[in-house]
Amino acid sequence: MERSAFSILIVDDEPWARRELKLLLRLRSDVAIVGEADTVANTIEQLHRLRPEITFLDIKLRNEDSFSIFERTRVESQVVFLTAHADHALRAFGVDAIDYLVKPVEPELLDRALARAALALRARLLARNSDLEIECS
């Protein structure tokens, strides 16, 4: 059985940055953009409502720091930080980000980030299925 496209949420306060990422992602058949957000509050709402599998998350959202999202809610999505701020990488991996891309995004690095996210999602699914099998035994 073939898997459907991975659902993606794009979070950036710059419309041009969201547009650029959408252009790159629309070249792929294995992803579906399900939403966009530009503030911390809107991102939290979108994460809960849309339940995206992968979230591309800018670090600075207007006058807010997107790391506060992890303090306010549980993030189930695989997170790829996408930012102009290269100095936050250690902090990003501290919240279990799957990758960290610096703008402007290079298509090869985007491909790598999506491959990492896909592997992590498959591993989570396998673990969940294993847990179900153990419960049913």
Foldseek 3Di string as FASTA:
>chain_A
DDDAAFEEEEEAQDPVQVVLVCVLPVVDRRYDYDYYYQDLVRVLVCCVPVVGQEYAYEQDRPPDGNVVNVVVDPRNHAYEYEYQDPVCVVVCCVSVHQYYHYPPGDSVVVVVSVVSSVVVVVVVVVVVVVVVVVVVD
